[in-house]
Amino acid sequence: MARVYTQAEAKRLGLPGRKSLEIVSGKTGARGVTLRLAEIPVSEPRETPRGPHHHYDFEECIFVLSGQGVTYADSGEYQLNPGDTILIPPGEKHVTRNTGGTPLLLLCFFPVSDITGGTEEPLSPKGPAKP
């Protein structure tokens, strides 16, 4: 049965360096996909940038809704603009940073219903972060 998910229903995640909403996942009834909306703010002077993370066994597909940024990955640096999509292979460490003057808004797709067990985030000041 089809279902509409509203942004108001999305779960807010406490991830370092970005605002992240989990819209669809196994927790909402999906069987094989996770969809997140991520907002990376404009960097503040003297702000310590977050480190890279990776997903052990699955890809991440990121679509840029608005803003400008760069993804730093094991395989190189990738400039991102609205309408661009980047596909990160399993196991490749990566981090996306805002390089513009407005928030960077991304849709992040994962081909699994629960990414928590297969994702490693860098340590935050409060200890390990949950993906």
C-alpha atoms as a PDB file:
ATOM      1  CA  MET A   1       0.000   0.000   0.000  1.00  0.00           C
ATOM      2  CA  ALA A   2       1.332   3.437  -0.932  1.00  0.00           C
ATOM      3  CA  ARG A   3       1.935   5.971   1.808  1.00  0.00           C
ATOM      4  CA  VAL A   4       2.736   9.677   1.949  1.00  0.00           C
ATOM      5  CA  TYR A   5       5.378  10.715   4.483  1.00  0.00           C
ATOM      6  CA  THR A   6       5.342  14.332   5.594  1.00  0.00           C
ATOM      7  CA  GLN A   7       8.379  16.276   6.710  1.00  0.00           C
ATOM      8  CA  ALA A   8       6.610  16.932  10.021  1.00  0.00           C
ATOM      9  CA  GLU A   9       6.654  13.159  10.702  1.00  0.00           C
ATOM     10  CA  ALA A  10      10.387  12.825  10.027  1.00  0.00           C
ATOM     11  CA  LYS A  11      12.693  11.868  12.883  1.00  0.00           C
ATOM     12  CA  ARG A  12      15.289  14.502  13.793  1.00  0.00           C
ATOM     13  CA  LEU A  13      18.736  12.952  14.133  1.00  0.00           C
ATOM     14  CA  GLY A  14      21.521  14.364  16.285  1.00  0.00           C
ATOM     15  CA  LEU A  15      24.329  14.034  13.772  1.00  0.00           C
ATOM     16  CA  PRO A  16      27.475  16.155  14.004  1.00  0.00           C
ATOM     17  CA  GLY A  17      27.865  19.102  11.625  1.00  0.00           C
ATOM     18  CA  ARG A  18      24.424  18.981  10.044  1.00  0.00           C
ATOM     19  CA  LYS A  19      20.708  18.918  10.612  1.00  0.00           C
ATOM     20  CA  SER A  20      19.316  15.603   9.463  1.00  0.00           C
ATOM     21  CA  LEU A  21      15.776  14.303   9.154  1.00  0.00           C
ATOM     22  CA  GLU A  22      15.077  10.615   8.550  1.00  0.00           C
ATOM     23  CA  ILE A  23      11.950  10.637   6.392  1.00  0.00           C
ATOM     24  CA  VAL A  24      11.710   6.974   5.379  1.00  0.00           C
ATOM     25  CA  SER A  25      13.406   3.896   6.870  1.00  0.00           C
ATOM     26  CA  GLY A  26      12.611   0.523   8.357  1.00  0.00           C
ATOM     27  CA  LYS A  27      11.291   2.365  11.407  1.00  0.00           C
ATOM     28  CA  THR A  28       8.582   3.928   9.228  1.00  0.00           C
ATOM     29  CA  GLY A  29       7.731   0.719   7.376  1.00  0.00           C
ATOM     30  CA  ALA A  30      10.196   0.704   4.471  1.00  0.00           C
ATOM     31  CA  ARG A  31      11.621  -2.684   3.549  1.00  0.00           C
ATOM     32  CA  GLY A  32      14.692  -1.706   1.557  1.00  0.00           C
ATOM     33  CA  VAL A  33      15.362   2.036   1.559  1.00  0.00           C
ATOM     34  CA  THR A  34      16.303   4.922   3.835  1.00  0.00           C
ATOM     35  CA  LEU A  35      15.729   8.534   2.786  1.00  0.00           C
ATOM     36  CA  ARG A  36      17.169  11.462   4.704  1.00  0.00           C
ATOM     37  CA  LEU A  37      17.070  15.213   4.245  1.00  0.00           C
ATOM     38  CA  ALA A  38      20.313  16.837   5.381  1.00  0.00           C
ATOM     39  CA  GLU A  39      21.059  20.515   5.816  1.00  0.00           C
ATOM     40  CA  ILE A  40      24.687  21.553   6.151  1.00  0.00           C
ATOM     41  CA  PRO A  41      24.954  25.106   7.486  1.00  0.00           C
ATOM     42  CA  VAL A  42      27.334  27.801   6.314  1.00  0.00           C
ATOM     43  CA  SER A  43      30.645  27.272   8.117  1.00  0.00           C
ATOM     44  CA  GLU A  44      31.425  29.552  11.025  1.00  0.00           C
ATOM     45  CA  PRO A  45      34.917  31.038  11.414  1.00  0.00           C
ATOM     46  CA  ARG A  46      37.194  28.837  13.533  1.00  0.00           C
ATOM     47  CA  GLU A  47      34.647  26.015  13.448  1.00  0.00           C
ATOM     48  CA  THR A  48      36.207  22.552  13.606  1.00  0.00           C
ATOM     49  CA  PRO A  49      34.915  20.659  10.578  1.00  0.00           C
ATOM     50  CA  ARG A  50      33.491  17.195  11.158  1.00  0.00           C
ATOM     51  CA  GLY A  51      35.430  14.206   9.950  1.00  0.00           C
ATOM     52  CA  PRO A  52      34.508  11.697   7.257  1.00  0.00           C
ATOM     53  CA  HIS A  53      32.212   8.730   7.770  1.00  0.00           C
ATOM     54  CA  HIS A  54      31.573   5.594   5.745  1.00  0.00           C
ATOM     55  CA  HIS A  55      29.018   2.882   5.132  1.00  0.00           C
ATOM     56  CA  TYR A  56      30.446  -0.636   5.187  1.00  0.00           C
ATOM     57  CA  ASP A  57      28.169  -2.609   2.881  1.00  0.00           C
ATOM     58  CA  PHE A  58      25.999  -0.175   0.936  1.00  0.00           C
ATOM     59  CA  GLU A  59      26.106   2.869  -1.312  1.00  0.00           C
ATOM     60  CA  GLU A  60      24.935   6.374  -0.533  1.00  0.00           C
ATOM     61  CA  CYS A  61      23.345   8.439  -3.283  1.00  0.00           C
ATOM     62  CA  ILE A  62      23.205  12.190  -2.585  1.00  0.00           C
ATOM     63  CA  PHE A  63      21.101  14.667  -4.595  1.00  0.00           C
ATOM     64  CA  VAL A  64      21.760  18.397  -4.152  1.00  0.00           C
ATOM     65  CA  LEU A  65      18.529  20.363  -3.727  1.00  0.00           C
ATOM     66  CA  SER A  66      20.125  23.773  -3.087  1.00  0.00           C
ATOM     67  CA  GLY A  67      23.369  25.420  -2.107  1.00  0.00           C
ATOM     68  CA  GLN A  68      26.953  24.651  -3.048  1.00  0.00           C
ATOM     69  CA  GLY A  69      29.416  22.251  -1.527  1.00  0.00           C
ATOM     70  CA  VAL A  70      32.220  19.814  -1.971  1.00  0.00           C
ATOM     71  CA  THR A  71      32.374  16.139  -1.081  1.00  0.00           C
ATOM     72  CA  TYR A  72      35.791  14.986   0.074  1.00  0.00           C
ATOM     73  CA  ALA A  73      36.103  11.247  -0.522  1.00  0.00           C
ATOM     74  CA  ASP A  74      38.885   8.677  -0.597  1.00  0.00           C
ATOM     75  CA  SER A  75      38.770   8.920  -4.397  1.00  0.00           C
ATOM     76  CA  GLY A  76      38.960  12.723  -4.674  1.00  0.00           C
ATOM     77  CA  GLU A  77      37.166  16.041  -4.247  1.00  0.00           C
ATOM     78  CA  TYR A  78      33.815  16.596  -5.954  1.00  0.00           C
ATOM     79  CA  GLN A  79      32.197  20.012  -6.415  1.00  0.00           C
ATOM     80  CA  LEU A  80      28.424  19.947  -5.914  1.00  0.00           C
ATOM     81  CA  ASN A  81      25.762  22.313  -7.230  1.00  0.00           C
ATOM     82  CA  PRO A  82      21.946  22.194  -7.289  1.00  0.00           C
ATOM     83  CA  GLY A  83      20.733  19.292  -9.424  1.00  0.00           C
ATOM     84  CA  ASP A  84      23.973  17.307  -9.066  1.00  0.00           C
ATOM     85  CA  THR A  85      24.009  13.741  -7.750  1.00  0.00           C
ATOM     86  CA  ILE A  86      26.990  11.939  -6.266  1.00  0.00           C
ATOM     87  CA  LEU A  87      27.158   8.182  -5.683  1.00  0.00           C
ATOM     88  CA  ILE A  88      29.458   7.039  -2.880  1.00  0.00           C
ATOM     89  CA  PRO A  89      30.458   3.346  -3.079  1.00  0.00           C
ATOM     90  CA  PRO A  90      30.411   1.057  -0.031  1.00  0.00           C
ATOM     91  CA  GLY A  91      33.378   1.539   2.290  1.00  0.00           C
ATOM     92  CA  GLU A  92      34.555   4.861   0.829  1.00  0.00           C
ATOM     93  CA  LYS A  93      35.146   7.483   3.532  1.00  0.00           C
ATOM     94  CA  HIS A  94      33.501  10.790   2.706  1.00  0.00           C
ATOM     95  CA  VAL A  95      32.278  14.094   4.092  1.00  0.00           C
ATOM     96  CA  THR A  96      30.328  16.868   2.377  1.00  0.00           C
ATOM     97  CA  ARG A  97      30.980  20.470   3.353  1.00  0.00           C
ATOM     98  CA  ASN A  98      29.160  23.670   2.528  1.00  0.00           C
ATOM     99  CA  THR A  99      31.242  26.029   0.376  1.00  0.00           C
ATOM    100  CA  GLY A 100      28.548  28.620  -0.312  1.00  0.00           C
ATOM    101  CA  GLY A 101      26.810  31.416   1.514  1.00  0.00           C
ATOM    102  CA  THR A 102      23.489  29.601   2.086  1.00  0.00           C
ATOM    103  CA  PRO A 103      22.629  26.247   3.689  1.00  0.00           C
ATOM    104  CA  LEU A 104      23.451  23.183   1.587  1.00  0.00           C
ATOM    105  CA  LEU A 105      20.321  21.024   1.300  1.00  0.00           C
ATOM    106  CA  LEU A 106      20.745  17.347   0.327  1.00  0.00           C
ATOM    107  CA  LEU A 107      18.529  14.299  -0.188  1.00  0.00           C
ATOM    108  CA  CYS A 108      20.441  11.177   0.870  1.00  0.00           C
ATOM    109  CA  PHE A 109      19.290   7.747  -0.340  1.00  0.00           C
ATOM    110  CA  PHE A 110      20.488   4.404   1.007  1.00  0.00           C
ATOM    111  CA  PRO A 111      19.443   0.975  -0.407  1.00  0.00           C
ATOM    112  CA  VAL A 112      18.812  -0.479   3.065  1.00  0.00           C
ATOM    113  CA  SER A 113      16.055   0.103   5.599  1.00  0.00           C
ATOM    114  CA  ASP A 114      18.446   0.602   8.548  1.00  0.00           C
ATOM    115  CA  ILE A 115      21.835   2.238   8.067  1.00  0.00           C
ATOM    116  CA  THR A 116      22.862   2.384  11.726  1.00  0.00           C
ATOM    117  CA  GLY A 117      24.669  -0.966  11.906  1.00  0.00           C
ATOM    118  CA  GLY A 118      26.588  -0.388   8.691  1.00  0.00           C
ATOM    119  CA  THR A 119      27.720   3.191   9.243  1.00  0.00           C
ATOM    120  CA  GLU A 120      30.697   4.551  11.147  1.00  0.00           C
ATOM    121  CA  GLU A 121      30.583   8.228  12.138  1.00  0.00           C
ATOM    122  CA  PRO A 122      33.552  10.102  13.596  1.00  0.00           C
ATOM    123  CA  LEU A 123      33.622  10.699  17.316  1.00  0.00           C
ATOM    124  CA  SER A 124      31.826  13.782  18.541  1.00  0.00           C
ATOM    125  CA  PRO A 125      32.798  15.673  21.712  1.00  0.00           C
ATOM    126  CA  LYS A 126      30.078  13.701  23.558  1.00  0.00           C
ATOM    127  CA  GLY A 127      31.285  10.316  22.291  1.00  0.00           C
ATOM    128  CA  PRO A 128      30.326   8.257  19.239  1.00  0.00           C
ATOM    129  CA  ALA A 129      27.544   9.718  17.133  1.00  0.00           C
ATOM    130  CA  LYS A 130      24.684   7.603  15.881  1.00  0.00           C
ATOM    131  CA  PRO A 131      24.231   7.766  12.093  1.00  0.00           C
END
